[in-house]
Amino acid sequence: MSEVLKLERIEKIYNRGEPGEVSVLKGADIAIQPGEVVALVAPSGAGKSTLLHIAGLLDTPTSGRVWIGGEDLTDLGDKRRTQTRRSKVGFIYQFHHLLPEFTALENIVLPQLANGAGQAAAKDRAMMLLDTVGVAHRSDHRPAELSGGEQQRVAFCRALANAPALLLADEPTGNLDPETSDRVFGALMTLVRETGLSALIATHNLDLAARMDRILALDSGVITPTK
């Protein structure tokens, strides 16, 4: 069975060939199987955001290959990269980045409409996702009317709106207090498990990392397994 995500000898060098050259990734390898949830643990500045951006086709490696669903996507043009991200990859960040003028429901419906879904089907899926993370009763509220934990749970739903095969999350509970973080992370894991997603989740929180299937450490630009 093909890996959902495979990163092969990924290198990323900024200012290549210049006096200020910085080598962030130095041959990083990752393989994530269908339905697997993997933690990526690294200190600040180690390059985990860069790695996630490369995995999600938001950035290109200096060298190495990126495979999603068994397809080598490293050299895609901008239009194909955008289409692939929209259909195959979901992103979650520390901050929710919800559109402030739209309700929770609308924030989840809009990406589906952009991907060709019908209005009724998009609303049904949005409500199903909101119900899974326990905020369906807040569907008609705008982001400013939601708590931090509610905002992030809506952001989780938006990331899964188009039923991607791969979820990439960069410190998804990093802006929340410990109690809220634990509760919201539980909601994320429920969502991931119930939808059969594969996920790569970057976190500083070792307690949260321990709840995933595997832990990978990014250190000195390379990946090493720790669990």
Protein backbone atom coordinates (compact mmCIF):
# COMPACT_ATOMS: atom_id res chain seq x y z
CA MET A 1 0.00 0.00 0.00
CA SER A 2 1.40 3.43 -0.96
CA GLU A 3 2.33 5.89 1.74
CA VAL A 4 -0.02 8.84 2.00
CA LEU A 5 3.04 11.09 2.44
CA LYS A 6 6.63 10.32 1.56
CA LEU A 7 9.44 12.83 1.85
CA GLU A 8 12.69 11.57 0.39
CA ARG A 9 16.05 13.16 1.27
CA ILE A 10 14.59 16.64 1.59
CA GLU A 11 17.12 19.46 1.70
CA LYS A 12 16.29 23.14 2.06
CA ILE A 13 18.96 25.79 1.76
CA TYR A 14 18.26 29.51 1.96
CA ASN A 15 20.57 32.03 0.23
CA ARG A 16 22.28 29.14 -1.52
CA GLY A 17 25.82 29.93 -2.65
CA GLU A 18 25.86 33.23 -0.76
CA PRO A 19 27.85 34.19 2.36
CA GLY A 20 24.69 34.01 4.46
CA GLU A 21 23.71 30.50 3.27
CA VAL A 22 21.56 28.62 5.79
CA SER A 23 20.92 24.88 5.55
CA VAL A 24 17.64 24.12 7.37
CA LEU A 25 16.85 20.57 6.20
CA LYS A 26 19.66 18.13 5.47
CA GLY A 27 18.23 14.98 3.95
CA ALA A 28 15.00 14.61 5.93
CA ASP A 29 12.99 11.44 5.26
CA ILE A 30 9.38 10.75 6.34
CA ALA A 31 6.89 8.06 5.35
CA ILE A 32 3.32 8.14 6.71
CA GLN A 33 0.95 5.24 6.13
CA PRO A 34 -2.84 5.46 5.55
CA GLY A 35 -4.67 6.26 8.78
CA GLU A 36 -1.45 6.97 10.70
CA VAL A 37 -1.11 9.99 13.00
CA VAL A 38 2.51 11.07 13.48
CA ALA A 39 3.90 13.71 15.83
CA LEU A 40 6.76 15.93 14.69
CA VAL A 41 8.71 17.30 17.64
CA ALA A 42 11.41 19.94 17.26
CA PRO A 43 12.70 23.03 19.05
CA SER A 44 11.81 26.47 17.72
CA GLY A 45 13.81 27.36 14.64
CA ALA A 46 14.63 23.74 13.77
CA GLY A 47 12.72 23.87 10.48
CA LYS A 48 9.49 22.04 11.26
CA SER A 49 7.33 24.72 9.62
CA THR A 50 9.55 24.61 6.55
CA LEU A 51 9.19 20.82 6.45
CA LEU A 52 5.39 21.04 6.72
CA HIS A 53 5.25 23.67 3.96
CA ILE A 54 7.29 21.43 1.67
CA ALA A 55 5.12 18.42 2.54
CA GLY A 56 2.00 20.45 1.70
CA LEU A 57 3.37 21.88 -1.57
CA LEU A 58 3.48 25.42 -0.21
CA ASP A 59 7.25 25.47 -0.67
CA THR A 60 9.74 23.56 -2.80
CA PRO A 61 12.81 21.72 -1.54
CA THR A 62 16.30 22.59 -2.72
CA SER A 63 16.64 18.89 -3.42
CA GLY A 64 14.72 15.70 -2.66
CA ARG A 65 11.28 14.39 -3.63
CA VAL A 66 7.73 14.83 -2.30
CA TRP A 67 5.19 12.03 -2.81
CA ILE A 68 1.50 12.22 -1.86
CA GLY A 69 -0.69 9.19 -2.41
CA GLY A 70 2.05 7.43 -4.34
CA GLU A 71 2.45 10.28 -6.85
CA ASP A 72 5.66 12.28 -7.18
CA LEU A 73 4.52 15.90 -6.95
CA THR A 74 7.87 17.62 -6.54
CA ASP A 75 8.00 19.33 -9.91
CA LEU A 76 4.38 20.36 -10.39
CA GLY A 77 3.63 23.81 -11.76
CA ASP A 78 1.82 26.39 -9.64
CA LYS A 79 -1.67 25.60 -10.97
CA ARG A 80 -1.34 21.85 -10.36
CA ARG A 81 0.15 22.46 -6.92
CA THR A 82 -2.84 24.60 -5.98
CA GLN A 83 -5.30 21.99 -7.28
CA THR A 84 -3.50 19.21 -5.39
CA ARG A 85 -3.41 21.16 -2.13
CA ARG A 86 -7.11 21.93 -2.42
CA SER A 87 -8.12 18.30 -2.94
CA LYS A 88 -5.53 16.23 -1.07
CA VAL A 89 -4.13 18.28 1.81
CA GLY A 90 -5.65 20.03 4.83
CA PHE A 91 -3.71 22.60 6.87
CA ILE A 92 -4.08 23.73 10.49
CA TYR A 93 -2.01 26.49 12.04
CA GLN A 94 -1.51 27.92 15.55
CA PHE A 95 -3.93 30.74 14.77
CA HIS A 96 -7.30 29.81 13.33
CA HIS A 97 -7.23 32.20 10.30
CA LEU A 98 -11.03 32.00 9.97
CA LEU A 99 -12.67 34.63 7.76
CA PRO A 100 -14.10 37.12 10.29
CA GLU A 101 -17.11 38.22 8.22
CA PHE A 102 -18.48 34.68 7.83
CA THR A 103 -20.09 32.30 10.32
CA ALA A 104 -18.50 29.06 11.47
CA LEU A 105 -20.70 27.15 9.04
CA GLU A 106 -19.85 29.45 6.13
CA ASN A 107 -16.11 29.16 6.84
CA ILE A 108 -16.40 25.41 6.25
CA VAL A 109 -18.82 25.63 3.33
CA LEU A 110 -16.74 28.09 1.27
CA PRO A 111 -13.73 25.81 0.60
CA GLN A 112 -16.11 23.10 -0.57
CA LEU A 113 -17.87 25.43 -2.99
CA ALA A 114 -14.47 26.51 -4.35
CA ASN A 115 -13.72 22.83 -4.93
CA GLY A 116 -16.93 22.27 -6.90
CA ALA A 117 -19.33 20.95 -4.23
CA GLY A 118 -23.01 21.85 -4.27
CA GLN A 119 -24.46 24.18 -1.64
CA ALA A 120 -26.65 21.58 0.12
CA ALA A 121 -23.94 18.91 0.23
CA ALA A 122 -21.40 21.44 1.50
CA LYS A 123 -23.70 22.53 4.33
CA ASP A 124 -24.45 18.93 5.29
CA ARG A 125 -20.74 18.07 5.49
CA ALA A 126 -19.97 21.26 7.42
CA MET A 127 -22.62 20.48 10.03
CA MET A 128 -21.40 16.88 10.32
CA LEU A 129 -17.85 18.07 10.99
CA LEU A 130 -18.97 20.70 13.50
CA ASP A 131 -21.05 18.10 15.29
CA THR A 132 -18.08 15.73 15.50
CA VAL A 133 -16.02 18.32 17.40
CA GLY A 134 -18.95 19.47 19.55
CA VAL A 135 -19.61 22.96 18.19
CA ALA A 136 -22.59 22.43 15.88
CA HIS A 137 -24.66 24.64 18.19
CA ARG A 138 -22.31 27.53 17.36
CA SER A 139 -22.59 27.16 13.58
CA ASP A 140 -24.26 30.54 13.03
CA HIS A 141 -21.70 32.50 15.10
CA ARG A 142 -18.85 34.51 13.60
CA PRO A 143 -15.27 33.87 14.80
CA ALA A 144 -15.25 36.90 17.13
CA GLU A 145 -18.23 35.41 18.97
CA LEU A 146 -16.43 32.10 19.62
CA SER A 147 -13.95 31.16 22.33
CA GLY A 148 -10.35 30.34 21.37
CA GLY A 149 -11.04 26.63 21.67
CA GLU A 150 -14.17 26.91 19.55
CA GLN A 151 -12.35 28.92 16.90
CA GLN A 152 -9.66 26.29 16.61
CA ARG A 153 -12.18 23.44 16.40
CA VAL A 154 -13.92 25.26 13.54
CA ALA A 155 -10.49 25.65 11.88
CA PHE A 156 -10.03 21.87 12.19
CA CYS A 157 -13.33 21.35 10.40
CA ARG A 158 -12.40 23.78 7.65
CA ALA A 159 -9.12 21.90 7.09
CA LEU A 160 -11.11 18.70 6.57
CA ALA A 161 -13.89 20.30 4.52
CA ASN A 162 -12.75 18.81 1.20
CA ALA A 163 -12.02 15.35 2.66
CA PRO A 164 -8.24 15.43 2.15
CA ALA A 165 -6.14 12.30 2.50
CA LEU A 166 -3.45 14.16 4.47
CA LEU A 167 -3.65 16.63 7.36
CA LEU A 168 -0.69 18.85 8.22
CA ALA A 169 -0.85 20.76 11.50
CA ASP A 170 1.67 23.25 12.88
CA GLU A 171 1.28 23.60 16.67
CA PRO A 172 -2.53 23.37 16.35
CA THR A 173 -3.15 24.00 20.08
CA GLY A 174 -0.14 26.23 20.71
CA ASN A 175 -2.19 29.36 21.43
CA LEU A 176 -4.47 27.68 23.99
CA ASP A 177 -4.16 27.21 27.75
CA PRO A 178 -3.25 23.66 28.89
CA GLU A 179 -6.80 22.60 29.82
CA THR A 180 -8.33 23.93 26.61
CA SER A 181 -5.42 22.52 24.60
CA ASP A 182 -6.04 19.03 25.95
CA ARG A 183 -9.77 19.21 25.20
CA VAL A 184 -9.32 20.67 21.72
CA PHE A 185 -6.61 18.16 20.84
CA GLY A 186 -9.00 15.39 21.84
CA ALA A 187 -11.54 16.83 19.41
CA LEU A 188 -8.91 16.88 16.66
CA MET A 189 -7.97 13.25 17.28
CA THR A 190 -11.64 12.25 17.19
CA LEU A 191 -12.06 14.03 13.87
CA VAL A 192 -8.91 12.44 12.41
CA ARG A 193 -9.77 8.92 13.56
CA GLU A 194 -13.40 9.08 12.42
CA THR A 195 -12.45 10.32 8.96
CA GLY A 196 -9.54 7.90 8.48
CA LEU A 197 -7.04 10.66 7.80
CA SER A 198 -3.30 10.43 7.87
CA ALA A 199 -1.76 13.32 9.79
CA LEU A 200 1.60 14.91 10.53
CA ILE A 201 1.24 17.16 13.56
CA ALA A 202 4.04 19.41 14.80
CA THR A 203 3.93 20.10 18.53
CA HIS A 204 6.12 21.14 21.45
CA ASN A 205 3.79 19.32 23.83
CA LEU A 206 5.26 15.88 24.57
CA ASP A 207 2.08 14.77 26.36
CA LEU A 208 0.07 15.40 23.20
CA ALA A 209 2.76 13.79 21.05
CA ALA A 210 2.55 10.63 23.15
CA ARG A 211 -1.12 10.25 22.19
CA MET A 212 -0.20 9.80 18.51
CA ASP A 213 0.93 6.64 16.74
CA ARG A 214 4.58 7.64 16.35
CA ILE A 215 6.89 10.47 17.32
CA LEU A 216 9.53 11.83 14.95
CA ALA A 217 12.15 14.33 16.05
CA LEU A 218 13.61 16.94 13.71
CA ASP A 219 17.13 17.72 14.85
CA SER A 220 20.00 19.29 12.92
CA GLY A 221 17.96 19.06 9.73
CA VAL A 222 17.32 15.30 9.81
CA ILE A 223 14.45 13.13 11.08
CA THR A 224 14.94 10.53 13.79
CA PRO A 225 12.23 8.26 15.27
CA THR A 226 11.75 8.47 19.05
CA LYS A 227 8.69 6.17 19.44
